[in-house]
Amino acid sequence: MSKEAFKKFVREKPELSQLVLKGSTTWQKLYETYDLYGENATVWQEMLSSPSSSHSKTSLSSFSVLMELVKNIDLHTLQKGITGLQKAIGILQELSNKEEKTPSPYEERPIHKYYED
């Protein structure tokens, strides 16, 4: 089976691309299944009739897609990344705001100055 035939098959069944976008499967697995079983296998019916694909058919609004993305975010990793960025920005600010302080010129003290006790 050729790649072009697989691409045509996927264009005819957009539910397959939704499965990949949701993370249920990968393009590689779909292609291997297509290569092994062909277009008319019952595997495709099972895959397309799964609850996850019927859910994606009914709720494809942008808000639900956004909520799915938010659910998959690891907050601990995100917090570590933000903390690292804050540190880097702080260092850059220190370097850019740091003005070279010129030392005050040396003033000699009087040699014969007496201090009262």
PDB file of N, CA and C in Angstrom:
ATOM      1  N   MET A   1       0.847  -1.169   0.000  1.00  0.00           N
ATOM      2  CA  MET A   1       0.000   0.000   0.000  1.00  0.00           C
ATOM      3  C   MET A   1       0.899   1.241   0.000  1.00  0.00           C
ATOM      4  N   SER A   2       0.489   2.237  -0.731  1.00  0.00           N
ATOM      5  CA  SER A   2       1.310   3.437  -0.851  1.00  0.00           C
ATOM      6  C   SER A   2       0.883   4.497   0.154  1.00  0.00           C
ATOM      7  N   LYS A   3       1.757   5.448   0.339  1.00  0.00           N
ATOM      8  CA  LYS A   3       1.466   6.552   1.252  1.00  0.00           C
ATOM      9  C   LYS A   3       0.345   7.424   0.716  1.00  0.00           C
ATOM     10  N   GLU A   4       0.304   7.595  -0.588  1.00  0.00           N
ATOM     11  CA  GLU A   4      -0.738   8.418  -1.201  1.00  0.00           C
ATOM     12  C   GLU A   4      -2.122   7.802  -0.975  1.00  0.00           C
ATOM     13  N   ALA A   5      -2.198   6.478  -1.069  1.00  0.00           N
ATOM     14  CA  ALA A   5      -3.472   5.798  -0.830  1.00  0.00           C
ATOM     15  C   ALA A   5      -3.889   5.972   0.635  1.00  0.00           C
ATOM     16  N   PHE A   6      -2.922   5.917   1.540  1.00  0.00           N
ATOM     17  CA  PHE A   6      -3.219   6.126   2.965  1.00  0.00           C
ATOM     18  C   PHE A   6      -3.705   7.548   3.206  1.00  0.00           C
ATOM     19  N   LYS A   7      -3.051   8.508   2.577  1.00  0.00           N
ATOM     20  CA  LYS A   7      -3.464   9.910   2.741  1.00  0.00           C
ATOM     21  C   LYS A   7      -4.894  10.107   2.246  1.00  0.00           C
ATOM     22  N   LYS A   8      -5.218   9.497   1.123  1.00  0.00           N
ATOM     23  CA  LYS A   8      -6.576   9.592   0.580  1.00  0.00           C
ATOM     24  C   LYS A   8      -7.577   8.960   1.556  1.00  0.00           C
ATOM     25  N   PHE A   9      -7.202   7.817   2.109  1.00  0.00           N
ATOM     26  CA  PHE A   9      -8.058   7.120   3.075  1.00  0.00           C
ATOM     27  C   PHE A   9      -8.319   7.980   4.304  1.00  0.00           C
ATOM     28  N   VAL A  10      -7.286   8.648   4.807  1.00  0.00           N
ATOM     29  CA  VAL A  10      -7.435   9.493   5.995  1.00  0.00           C
ATOM     30  C   VAL A  10      -8.289  10.719   5.677  1.00  0.00           C
ATOM     31  N   ARG A  11      -8.141  11.272   4.476  1.00  0.00           N
ATOM     32  CA  ARG A  11      -8.970  12.420   4.082  1.00  0.00           C
ATOM     33  C   ARG A  11     -10.454  12.042   4.045  1.00  0.00           C
ATOM     34  N   GLU A  12     -10.738  10.801   3.686  1.00  0.00           N
ATOM     35  CA  GLU A  12     -12.121  10.333   3.647  1.00  0.00           C
ATOM     36  C   GLU A  12     -12.676  10.082   5.038  1.00  0.00           C
ATOM     37  N   LYS A  13     -11.798   9.841   6.005  1.00  0.00           N
ATOM     38  CA  LYS A  13     -12.226   9.565   7.379  1.00  0.00           C
ATOM     39  C   LYS A  13     -11.539  10.541   8.331  1.00  0.00           C
ATOM     40  N   PRO A  14     -12.067  11.765   8.463  1.00  0.00           N
ATOM     41  CA  PRO A  14     -11.428  12.778   9.314  1.00  0.00           C
ATOM     42  C   PRO A  14     -11.436  12.411  10.803  1.00  0.00           C
ATOM     43  N   GLU A  15     -12.232  11.421  11.166  1.00  0.00           N
ATOM     44  CA  GLU A  15     -12.247  10.988  12.569  1.00  0.00           C
ATOM     45  C   GLU A  15     -10.890  10.435  12.992  1.00  0.00           C
ATOM     46  N   LEU A  16     -10.172   9.872  12.041  1.00  0.00           N
ATOM     47  CA  LEU A  16      -8.842   9.321  12.346  1.00  0.00           C
ATOM     48  C   LEU A  16      -7.875  10.430  12.750  1.00  0.00           C
ATOM     49  N   SER A  17      -7.954  11.551  12.061  1.00  0.00           N
ATOM     50  CA  SER A  17      -7.063  12.653  12.432  1.00  0.00           C
ATOM     51  C   SER A  17      -7.423  13.197  13.812  1.00  0.00           C
ATOM     52  N   GLN A  18      -8.704  13.155  14.169  1.00  0.00           N
ATOM     53  CA  GLN A  18      -9.108  13.591  15.505  1.00  0.00           C
ATOM     54  C   GLN A  18      -8.541  12.665  16.581  1.00  0.00           C
ATOM     55  N   LEU A  19      -8.490  11.375  16.282  1.00  0.00           N
ATOM     56  CA  LEU A  19      -7.898  10.424  17.231  1.00  0.00           C
ATOM     57  C   LEU A  19      -6.425  10.738  17.468  1.00  0.00           C
ATOM     58  N   VAL A  20      -5.730  11.115  16.406  1.00  0.00           N
ATOM     59  CA  VAL A  20      -4.313  11.460  16.540  1.00  0.00           C
ATOM     60  C   VAL A  20      -4.163  12.753  17.330  1.00  0.00           C
ATOM     61  N   LEU A  21      -5.011  13.735  17.046  1.00  0.00           N
ATOM     62  CA  LEU A  21      -4.930  15.011  17.760  1.00  0.00           C
ATOM     63  C   LEU A  21      -5.217  14.856  19.251  1.00  0.00           C
ATOM     64  N   LYS A  22      -6.120  13.944  19.591  1.00  0.00           N
ATOM     65  CA  LYS A  22      -6.439  13.716  21.006  1.00  0.00           C
ATOM     66  C   LYS A  22      -5.377  12.890  21.715  1.00  0.00           C
ATOM     67  N   GLY A  23      -4.489  12.265  20.953  1.00  0.00           N
ATOM     68  CA  GLY A  23      -3.432  11.463  21.551  1.00  0.00           C
ATOM     69  C   GLY A  23      -3.811  10.009  21.750  1.00  0.00           C
ATOM     70  N   SER A  24      -4.939   9.588  21.192  1.00  0.00           N
ATOM     71  CA  SER A  24      -5.366   8.194  21.337  1.00  0.00           C
ATOM     72  C   SER A  24      -4.487   7.242  20.545  1.00  0.00           C
ATOM     73  N   THR A  25      -3.935   7.719  19.449  1.00  0.00           N
ATOM     74  CA  THR A  25      -3.090   6.891  18.599  1.00  0.00           C
ATOM     75  C   THR A  25      -2.089   7.790  17.881  1.00  0.00           C
ATOM     76  N   THR A  26      -1.229   7.190  17.072  1.00  0.00           N
ATOM     77  CA  THR A  26      -0.253   7.968  16.305  1.00  0.00           C
ATOM     78  C   THR A  26      -0.452   7.686  14.820  1.00  0.00           C
ATOM     79  N   TRP A  27       0.113   8.554  13.998  1.00  0.00           N
ATOM     80  CA  TRP A  27       0.036   8.345  12.556  1.00  0.00           C
ATOM     81  C   TRP A  27       0.746   7.056  12.164  1.00  0.00           C
ATOM     82  N   GLN A  28       1.835   6.765  12.847  1.00  0.00           N
ATOM     83  CA  GLN A  28       2.588   5.541  12.542  1.00  0.00           C
ATOM     84  C   GLN A  28       1.724   4.303  12.766  1.00  0.00           C
ATOM     85  N   LYS A  29       1.026   4.267  13.897  1.00  0.00           N
ATOM     86  CA  LYS A  29       0.173   3.111  14.186  1.00  0.00           C
ATOM     87  C   LYS A  29      -0.962   2.999  13.172  1.00  0.00           C
ATOM     88  N   LEU A  30      -1.534   4.142  12.802  1.00  0.00           N
ATOM     89  CA  LEU A  30      -2.605   4.115  11.811  1.00  0.00           C
ATOM     90  C   LEU A  30      -2.096   3.593  10.468  1.00  0.00           C
ATOM     91  N   TYR A  31      -0.923   4.048  10.074  1.00  0.00           N
ATOM     92  CA  TYR A  31      -0.371   3.601   8.790  1.00  0.00           C
ATOM     93  C   TYR A  31      -0.049   2.106   8.815  1.00  0.00           C
ATOM     94  N   GLU A  32       0.503   1.641   9.925  1.00  0.00           N
ATOM     95  CA  GLU A  32       0.816   0.216  10.033  1.00  0.00           C
ATOM     96  C   GLU A  32      -0.465  -0.625   9.978  1.00  0.00           C
ATOM     97  N   THR A  33      -1.515  -0.153  10.648  1.00  0.00           N
ATOM     98  CA  THR A  33      -2.793  -0.871  10.600  1.00  0.00           C
ATOM     99  C   THR A  33      -3.348  -0.872   9.189  1.00  0.00           C
ATOM    100  N   TYR A  34      -3.243   0.266   8.523  1.00  0.00           N
ATOM    101  CA  TYR A  34      -3.710   0.368   7.136  1.00  0.00           C
ATOM    102  C   TYR A  34      -2.911  -0.556   6.226  1.00  0.00           C
ATOM    103  N   ASP A  35      -1.617  -0.611   6.457  1.00  0.00           N
ATOM    104  CA  ASP A  35      -0.746  -1.448   5.636  1.00  0.00           C
ATOM    105  C   ASP A  35      -1.053  -2.934   5.847  1.00  0.00           C
ATOM    106  N   LEU A  36      -1.350  -3.328   7.091  1.00  0.00           N
ATOM    107  CA  LEU A  36      -1.619  -4.741   7.393  1.00  0.00           C
ATOM    108  C   LEU A  36      -3.010  -5.185   6.949  1.00  0.00           C
ATOM    109  N   TYR A  37      -4.027  -4.368   7.269  1.00  0.00           N
ATOM    110  CA  TYR A  37      -5.407  -4.812   7.087  1.00  0.00           C
ATOM    111  C   TYR A  37      -6.101  -4.224   5.859  1.00  0.00           C
ATOM    112  N   GLY A  38      -5.621  -3.085   5.374  1.00  0.00           N
ATOM    113  CA  GLY A  38      -6.279  -2.458   4.232  1.00  0.00           C
ATOM    114  C   GLY A  38      -7.381  -1.513   4.667  1.00  0.00           C
ATOM    115  N   GLU A  39      -8.144  -1.053   3.671  1.00  0.00           N
ATOM    116  CA  GLU A  39      -9.167  -0.033   3.939  1.00  0.00           C
ATOM    117  C   GLU A  39     -10.459  -0.614   4.495  1.00  0.00           C
ATOM    118  N   ASN A  40     -10.814  -1.798   4.118  1.00  0.00           N
ATOM    119  CA  ASN A  40     -12.135  -2.336   4.432  1.00  0.00           C
ATOM    120  C   ASN A  40     -12.156  -3.257   5.642  1.00  0.00           C
ATOM    121  N   ALA A  41     -11.187  -3.183   6.491  1.00  0.00           N
ATOM    122  CA  ALA A  41     -11.118  -4.080   7.646  1.00  0.00           C
ATOM    123  C   ALA A  41     -12.063  -3.603   8.743  1.00  0.00           C
ATOM    124  N   THR A  42     -12.448  -4.543   9.599  1.00  0.00           N
ATOM    125  CA  THR A  42     -13.327  -4.203  10.720  1.00  0.00           C
ATOM    126  C   THR A  42     -12.574  -3.422  11.794  1.00  0.00           C
ATOM    127  N   VAL A  43     -11.265  -3.404  11.716  1.00  0.00           N
ATOM    128  CA  VAL A  43     -10.455  -2.653  12.687  1.00  0.00           C
ATOM    129  C   VAL A  43     -10.832  -1.180  12.656  1.00  0.00           C
ATOM    130  N   TRP A  44     -11.087  -0.650  11.468  1.00  0.00           N
ATOM    131  CA  TRP A  44     -11.432   0.771  11.331  1.00  0.00           C
ATOM    132  C   TRP A  44     -12.783   1.068  11.957  1.00  0.00           C
ATOM    133  N   GLN A  45     -13.718   0.154  11.819  1.00  0.00           N
ATOM    134  CA  GLN A  45     -15.036   0.357  12.429  1.00  0.00           C
ATOM    135  C   GLN A  45     -14.927   0.381  13.941  1.00  0.00           C
ATOM    136  N   GLU A  46     -14.113  -0.535  14.481  1.00  0.00           N
ATOM    137  CA  GLU A  46     -13.913  -0.563  15.933  1.00  0.00           C
ATOM    138  C   GLU A  46     -13.238   0.711  16.417  1.00  0.00           C
ATOM    139  N   MET A  47     -12.242   1.155  15.657  1.00  0.00           N
ATOM    140  CA  MET A  47     -11.500   2.344  16.042  1.00  0.00           C
ATOM    141  C   MET A  47     -12.388   3.594  15.987  1.00  0.00           C
ATOM    142  N   LEU A  48     -13.202   3.670  14.946  1.00  0.00           N
ATOM    143  CA  LEU A  48     -14.051   4.847  14.758  1.00  0.00           C
ATOM    144  C   LEU A  48     -15.285   4.828  15.642  1.00  0.00           C
ATOM    145  N   SER A  49     -15.692   3.669  16.117  1.00  0.00           N
ATOM    146  CA  SER A  49     -16.874   3.605  16.978  1.00  0.00           C
ATOM    147  C   SER A  49     -16.513   3.621  18.461  1.00  0.00           C
ATOM    148  N   SER A  50     -15.252   3.814  18.790  1.00  0.00           N
ATOM    149  CA  SER A  50     -14.856   3.860  20.198  1.00  0.00           C
ATOM    150  C   SER A  50     -15.441   5.106  20.853  1.00  0.00           C
ATOM    151  N   PRO A  51     -15.661   5.087  22.175  1.00  0.00           N
ATOM    152  CA  PRO A  51     -16.272   6.228  22.862  1.00  0.00           C
ATOM    153  C   PRO A  51     -15.475   7.519  22.697  1.00  0.00           C
ATOM    154  N   SER A  52     -14.159   7.412  22.608  1.00  0.00           N
ATOM    155  CA  SER A  52     -13.355   8.628  22.492  1.00  0.00           C
ATOM    156  C   SER A  52     -13.590   9.324  21.163  1.00  0.00           C
ATOM    157  N   SER A  53     -13.796   8.552  20.084  1.00  0.00           N
ATOM    158  CA  SER A  53     -14.031   9.183  18.785  1.00  0.00           C
ATOM    159  C   SER A  53     -15.432   9.770  18.707  1.00  0.00           C
ATOM    160  N   SER A  54     -16.441   9.114  19.330  1.00  0.00           N
ATOM    161  CA  SER A  54     -17.789   9.675  19.299  1.00  0.00           C
ATOM    162  C   SER A  54     -17.845  10.947  20.132  1.00  0.00           C
ATOM    163  N   HIS A  55     -17.058  11.003  21.174  1.00  0.00           N
ATOM    164  CA  HIS A  55     -16.982  12.221  21.988  1.00  0.00           C
ATOM    165  C   HIS A  55     -16.382  13.357  21.179  1.00  0.00           C
ATOM    166  N   SER A  56     -15.362  13.059  20.387  1.00  0.00           N
ATOM    167  CA  SER A  56     -14.727  14.117  19.600  1.00  0.00           C
ATOM    168  C   SER A  56     -15.651  14.609  18.495  1.00  0.00           C
ATOM    169  N   LYS A  57     -16.566  13.762  18.009  1.00  0.00           N
ATOM    170  CA  LYS A  57     -17.501  14.190  16.981  1.00  0.00           C
ATOM    171  C   LYS A  57     -18.491  15.204  17.530  1.00  0.00           C
ATOM    172  N   THR A  58     -18.942  14.983  18.758  1.00  0.00           N
ATOM    173  CA  THR A  58     -20.002  15.823  19.306  1.00  0.00           C
ATOM    174  C   THR A  58     -19.503  17.140  19.865  1.00  0.00           C
ATOM    175  N   SER A  59     -18.268  17.178  20.334  1.00  0.00           N
ATOM    176  CA  SER A  59     -17.813  18.412  20.975  1.00  0.00           C
ATOM    177  C   SER A  59     -16.489  18.868  20.387  1.00  0.00           C
ATOM    178  N   LEU A  60     -16.562  19.484  19.241  1.00  0.00           N
ATOM    179  CA  LEU A  60     -15.363  19.970  18.591  1.00  0.00           C
ATOM    180  C   LEU A  60     -15.240  21.485  18.710  1.00  0.00           C
ATOM    181  N   SER A  61     -15.964  22.076  19.629  1.00  0.00           N
ATOM    182  CA  SER A  61     -15.872  23.530  19.772  1.00  0.00           C
ATOM    183  C   SER A  61     -14.479  23.918  20.259  1.00  0.00           C
ATOM    184  N   SER A  62     -14.100  25.134  19.985  1.00  0.00           N
ATOM    185  CA  SER A  62     -12.755  25.575  20.346  1.00  0.00           C
ATOM    186  C   SER A  62     -12.565  25.589  21.859  1.00  0.00           C
ATOM    187  N   PHE A  63     -13.640  25.834  22.606  1.00  0.00           N
ATOM    188  CA  PHE A  63     -13.515  25.855  24.062  1.00  0.00           C
ATOM    189  C   PHE A  63     -13.203  24.466  24.597  1.00  0.00           C
ATOM    190  N   SER A  64     -13.849  23.440  24.063  1.00  0.00           N
ATOM    191  CA  SER A  64     -13.591  22.087  24.559  1.00  0.00           C
ATOM    192  C   SER A  64     -12.189  21.634  24.180  1.00  0.00           C
ATOM    193  N   VAL A  65     -11.725  22.035  22.997  1.00  0.00           N
ATOM    194  CA  VAL A  65     -10.357  21.701  22.602  1.00  0.00           C
ATOM    195  C   VAL A  65      -9.368  22.391  23.539  1.00  0.00           C
ATOM    196  N   LEU A  66      -9.647  23.645  23.873  1.00  0.00           N
ATOM    197  CA  LEU A  66      -8.788  24.379  24.799  1.00  0.00           C
ATOM    198  C   LEU A  66      -8.774  23.721  26.177  1.00  0.00           C
ATOM    199  N   MET A  67      -9.917  23.284  26.642  1.00  0.00           N
ATOM    200  CA  MET A  67      -9.982  22.625  27.948  1.00  0.00           C
ATOM    201  C   MET A  67      -9.208  21.310  27.938  1.00  0.00           C
ATOM    202  N   GLU A  68      -9.236  20.574  26.850  1.00  0.00           N
ATOM    203  CA  GLU A  68      -8.458  19.343  26.745  1.00  0.00           C
ATOM    204  C   GLU A  68      -6.970  19.635  26.831  1.00  0.00           C
ATOM    205  N   LEU A  69      -6.542  20.721  26.193  1.00  0.00           N
ATOM    206  CA  LEU A  69      -5.130  21.097  26.258  1.00  0.00           C
ATOM    207  C   LEU A  69      -4.730  21.482  27.670  1.00  0.00           C
ATOM    208  N   VAL A  70      -5.599  22.207  28.365  1.00  0.00           N
ATOM    209  CA  VAL A  70      -5.294  22.642  29.723  1.00  0.00           C
ATOM    210  C   VAL A  70      -5.214  21.447  30.669  1.00  0.00           C
ATOM    211  N   LYS A  71      -6.051  20.445  30.441  1.00  0.00           N
ATOM    212  CA  LYS A  71      -6.027  19.249  31.296  1.00  0.00           C
ATOM    213  C   LYS A  71      -4.701  18.509  31.195  1.00  0.00           C
ATOM    214  N   ASN A  72      -4.075  18.559  30.037  1.00  0.00           N
ATOM    215  CA  ASN A  72      -2.849  17.791  29.802  1.00  0.00           C
ATOM    216  C   ASN A  72      -1.590  18.525  30.222  1.00  0.00           C
ATOM    217  N   ILE A  73      -1.705  19.703  30.806  1.00  0.00           N
ATOM    218  CA  ILE A  73      -0.525  20.469  31.214  1.00  0.00           C
ATOM    219  C   ILE A  73      -0.056  19.985  32.578  1.00  0.00           C
ATOM    220  N   ASP A  74       1.232  19.730  32.701  1.00  0.00           N
ATOM    221  CA  ASP A  74       1.829  19.363  33.978  1.00  0.00           C
ATOM    222  C   ASP A  74       2.221  20.653  34.690  1.00  0.00           C
ATOM    223  N   LEU A  75       1.476  21.003  35.742  1.00  0.00           N
ATOM    224  CA  LEU A  75       1.675  22.285  36.412  1.00  0.00           C
ATOM    225  C   LEU A  75       3.024  22.386  37.111  1.00  0.00           C
ATOM    226  N   HIS A  76       3.528  21.283  37.621  1.00  0.00           N
ATOM    227  CA  HIS A  76       4.819  21.304  38.306  1.00  0.00           C
ATOM    228  C   HIS A  76       5.940  21.659  37.321  1.00  0.00           C
ATOM    229  N   THR A  77       5.909  21.050  36.154  1.00  0.00           N
ATOM    230  CA  THR A  77       6.909  21.347  35.128  1.00  0.00           C
ATOM    231  C   THR A  77       6.772  22.778  34.643  1.00  0.00           C
ATOM    232  N   LEU A  78       5.542  23.243  34.488  1.00  0.00           N
ATOM    233  CA  LEU A  78       5.304  24.622  34.068  1.00  0.00           C
ATOM    234  C   LEU A  78       5.854  25.598  35.099  1.00  0.00           C
ATOM    235  N   GLN A  79       5.635  25.323  36.386  1.00  0.00           N
ATOM    236  CA  GLN A  79       6.140  26.196  37.445  1.00  0.00           C
ATOM    237  C   GLN A  79       7.661  26.233  37.456  1.00  0.00           C
ATOM    238  N   LYS A  80       8.300  25.077  37.244  1.00  0.00           N
ATOM    239  CA  LYS A  80       9.758  25.043  37.195  1.00  0.00           C
ATOM    240  C   LYS A  80      10.285  25.875  36.026  1.00  0.00           C
ATOM    241  N   GLY A  81       9.606  25.798  34.902  1.00  0.00           N
ATOM    242  CA  GLY A  81      10.016  26.576  33.735  1.00  0.00           C
ATOM    243  C   GLY A  81       9.865  28.064  33.963  1.00  0.00           C
ATOM    244  N   ILE A  82       8.765  28.462  34.595  1.00  0.00           N
ATOM    245  CA  ILE A  82       8.537  29.883  34.873  1.00  0.00           C
ATOM    246  C   ILE A  82       9.563  30.394  35.873  1.00  0.00           C
ATOM    247  N   THR A  83       9.892  29.604  36.883  1.00  0.00           N
ATOM    248  CA  THR A  83      10.893  30.006  37.864  1.00  0.00           C
ATOM    249  C   THR A  83      12.250  30.189  37.194  1.00  0.00           C
ATOM    250  N   GLY A  84      12.606  29.291  36.310  1.00  0.00           N
ATOM    251  CA  GLY A  84      13.871  29.422  35.582  1.00  0.00           C
ATOM    252  C   GLY A  84      13.904  30.680  34.728  1.00  0.00           C
ATOM    253  N   LEU A  85      12.791  30.987  34.074  1.00  0.00           N
ATOM    254  CA  LEU A  85      12.723  32.205  33.272  1.00  0.00           C
ATOM    255  C   LEU A  85      12.833  33.456  34.136  1.00  0.00           C
ATOM    256  N   GLN A  86      12.207  33.432  35.305  1.00  0.00           N
ATOM    257  CA  GLN A  86      12.287  34.580  36.206  1.00  0.00           C
ATOM    258  C   GLN A  86      13.723  34.816  36.655  1.00  0.00           C
ATOM    259  N   LYS A  87      14.437  33.742  36.959  1.00  0.00           N
ATOM    260  CA  LYS A  87      15.832  33.885  37.366  1.00  0.00           C
ATOM    261  C   LYS A  87      16.671  34.459  36.237  1.00  0.00           C
ATOM    262  N   ALA A  88      16.455  33.960  35.032  1.00  0.00           N
ATOM    263  CA  ALA A  88      17.219  34.447  33.882  1.00  0.00           C
ATOM    264  C   ALA A  88      16.928  35.922  33.616  1.00  0.00           C
ATOM    265  N   ILE A  89      15.681  36.319  33.731  1.00  0.00           N
ATOM    266  CA  ILE A  89      15.317  37.725  33.523  1.00  0.00           C
ATOM    267  C   ILE A  89      15.934  38.591  34.609  1.00  0.00           C
ATOM    268  N   GLY A  90      15.947  38.106  35.844  1.00  0.00           N
ATOM    269  CA  GLY A  90      16.565  38.855  36.940  1.00  0.00           C
ATOM    270  C   GLY A  90      18.053  39.072  36.707  1.00  0.00           C
ATOM    271  N   ILE A  91      18.729  38.046  36.248  1.00  0.00           N
ATOM    272  CA  ILE A  91      20.169  38.170  35.967  1.00  0.00           C
ATOM    273  C   ILE A  91      20.412  39.172  34.845  1.00  0.00           C
ATOM    274  N   LEU A  92      19.591  39.097  33.790  1.00  0.00           N
ATOM    275  CA  LEU A  92      19.740  40.039  32.681  1.00  0.00           C
ATOM    276  C   LEU A  92      19.469  41.475  33.132  1.00  0.00           C
ATOM    277  N   GLN A  93      18.502  41.656  34.007  1.00  0.00           N
ATOM    278  CA  GLN A  93      18.213  42.997  34.512  1.00  0.00           C
ATOM    279  C   GLN A  93      19.376  43.522  35.345  1.00  0.00           C
ATOM    280  N   GLU A  94      19.947  42.648  36.161  1.00  0.00           N
ATOM    281  CA  GLU A  94      21.097  43.068  36.964  1.00  0.00           C
ATOM    282  C   GLU A  94      22.255  43.489  36.069  1.00  0.00           C
ATOM    283  N   LEU A  95      22.507  42.714  35.031  1.00  0.00           N
ATOM    284  CA  LEU A  95      23.617  43.033  34.147  1.00  0.00           C
ATOM    285  C   LEU A  95      23.368  44.310  33.349  1.00  0.00           C
ATOM    286  N   SER A  96      22.143  44.529  32.937  1.00  0.00           N
ATOM    287  CA  SER A  96      21.865  45.713  32.121  1.00  0.00           C
ATOM    288  C   SER A  96      21.783  46.972  32.974  1.00  0.00           C
ATOM    289  N   ASN A  97      21.359  46.859  34.234  1.00  0.00           N
ATOM    290  CA  ASN A  97      21.219  48.031  35.092  1.00  0.00           C
ATOM    291  C   ASN A  97      22.480  48.347  35.876  1.00  0.00           C
ATOM    292  N   LYS A  98      23.428  47.451  35.826  1.00  0.00           N
ATOM    293  CA  LYS A  98      24.634  47.633  36.614  1.00  0.00           C
ATOM    294  C   LYS A  98      25.488  48.720  35.980  1.00  0.00           C
ATOM    295  N   GLU A  99      25.637  49.799  36.692  1.00  0.00           N
ATOM    296  CA  GLU A  99      26.506  50.874  36.215  1.00  0.00           C
ATOM    297  C   GLU A  99      27.835  50.728  36.937  1.00  0.00           C
ATOM    298  N   GLU A 100      28.863  50.907  36.186  1.00  0.00           N
ATOM    299  CA  GLU A 100      30.175  50.781  36.814  1.00  0.00           C
ATOM    300  C   GLU A 100      30.370  51.953  37.761  1.00  0.00           C
ATOM    301  N   LYS A 101      30.617  51.626  38.980  1.00  0.00           N
ATOM    302  CA  LYS A 101      30.846  52.674  39.971  1.00  0.00           C
ATOM    303  C   LYS A 101      32.317  53.042  39.928  1.00  0.00           C
ATOM    304  N   THR A 102      32.565  54.305  39.678  1.00  0.00           N
ATOM    305  CA  THR A 102      33.957  54.758  39.659  1.00  0.00           C
ATOM    306  C   THR A 102      34.367  55.033  41.095  1.00  0.00           C
ATOM    307  N   PRO A 103      35.489  54.520  41.489  1.00  0.00           N
ATOM    308  CA  PRO A 103      35.922  54.752  42.872  1.00  0.00           C
ATOM    309  C   PRO A 103      36.255  56.235  43.066  1.00  0.00           C
ATOM    310  N   SER A 104      35.917  56.718  44.256  1.00  0.00           N
ATOM    311  CA  SER A 104      36.221  58.128  44.529  1.00  0.00           C
ATOM    312  C   SER A 104      37.744  58.293  44.590  1.00  0.00           C
ATOM    313  N   PRO A 105      38.216  59.427  44.153  1.00  0.00           N
ATOM    314  CA  PRO A 105      39.669  59.625  44.159  1.00  0.00           C
ATOM    315  C   PRO A 105      40.218  59.553  45.590  1.00  0.00           C
ATOM    316  N   TYR A 106      41.432  59.065  45.697  1.00  0.00           N
ATOM    317  CA  TYR A 106      42.053  58.881  46.997  1.00  0.00           C
ATOM    318  C   TYR A 106      42.413  60.237  47.596  1.00  0.00           C
ATOM    319  N   GLU A 107      42.009  60.418  48.833  1.00  0.00           N
ATOM    320  CA  GLU A 107      42.342  61.651  49.549  1.00  0.00           C
ATOM    321  C   GLU A 107      43.279  61.293  50.697  1.00  0.00           C
ATOM    322  N   GLU A 108      44.387  61.953  50.728  1.00  0.00           N
ATOM    323  CA  GLU A 108      45.344  61.694  51.805  1.00  0.00           C
ATOM    324  C   GLU A 108      44.859  62.329  53.092  1.00  0.00           C
ATOM    325  N   ARG A 109      45.137  61.616  54.175  1.00  0.00           N
ATOM    326  CA  ARG A 109      44.805  62.174  55.470  1.00  0.00           C
ATOM    327  C   ARG A 109      45.980  63.017  55.948  1.00  0.00           C
ATOM    328  N   PRO A 110      45.672  64.011  56.731  1.00  0.00           N
ATOM    329  CA  PRO A 110      46.781  64.802  57.291  1.00  0.00           C
ATOM    330  C   PRO A 110      47.655  63.930  58.186  1.00  0.00           C
ATOM    331  N   ILE A 111      48.947  64.085  58.067  1.00  0.00           N
ATOM    332  CA  ILE A 111      49.880  63.245  58.804  1.00  0.00           C
ATOM    333  C   ILE A 111      49.884  63.589  60.289  1.00  0.00           C
ATOM    334  N   HIS A 112      49.845  64.844  60.610  1.00  0.00           N
ATOM    335  CA  HIS A 112      49.998  65.257  62.010  1.00  0.00           C
ATOM    336  C   HIS A 112      48.680  65.593  62.668  1.00  0.00           C
ATOM    337  N   LYS A 113      47.669  64.914  62.362  1.00  0.00           N
ATOM    338  CA  LYS A 113      46.391  65.180  62.973  1.00  0.00           C
ATOM    339  C   LYS A 113      46.293  64.372  64.253  1.00  0.00           C
ATOM    340  N   TYR A 114      45.903  65.055  65.334  1.00  0.00           N
ATOM    341  CA  TYR A 114      45.790  64.412  66.626  1.00  0.00           C
ATOM    342  C   TYR A 114      44.320  64.158  66.950  1.00  0.00           C
ATOM    343  N   TYR A 115      44.079  62.999  67.482  1.00  0.00           N
ATOM    344  CA  TYR A 115      42.706  62.640  67.847  1.00  0.00           C
ATOM    345  C   TYR A 115      42.598  62.799  69.356  1.00  0.00           C
ATOM    346  N   GLU A 116      41.524  63.395  69.756  1.00  0.00           N
ATOM    347  CA  GLU A 116      41.329  63.555  71.193  1.00  0.00           C
ATOM    348  C   GLU A 116      40.690  62.296  71.759  1.00  0.00           C
ATOM    349  N   ASP A 117      41.139  61.895  72.914  1.00  0.00           N
ATOM    350  CA  ASP A 117      40.606  60.705  73.580  1.00  0.00           C
ATOM    351  C   ASP A 117      39.512  61.070  74.501  1.00  0.00           C
TER     352      ASP A 117
END
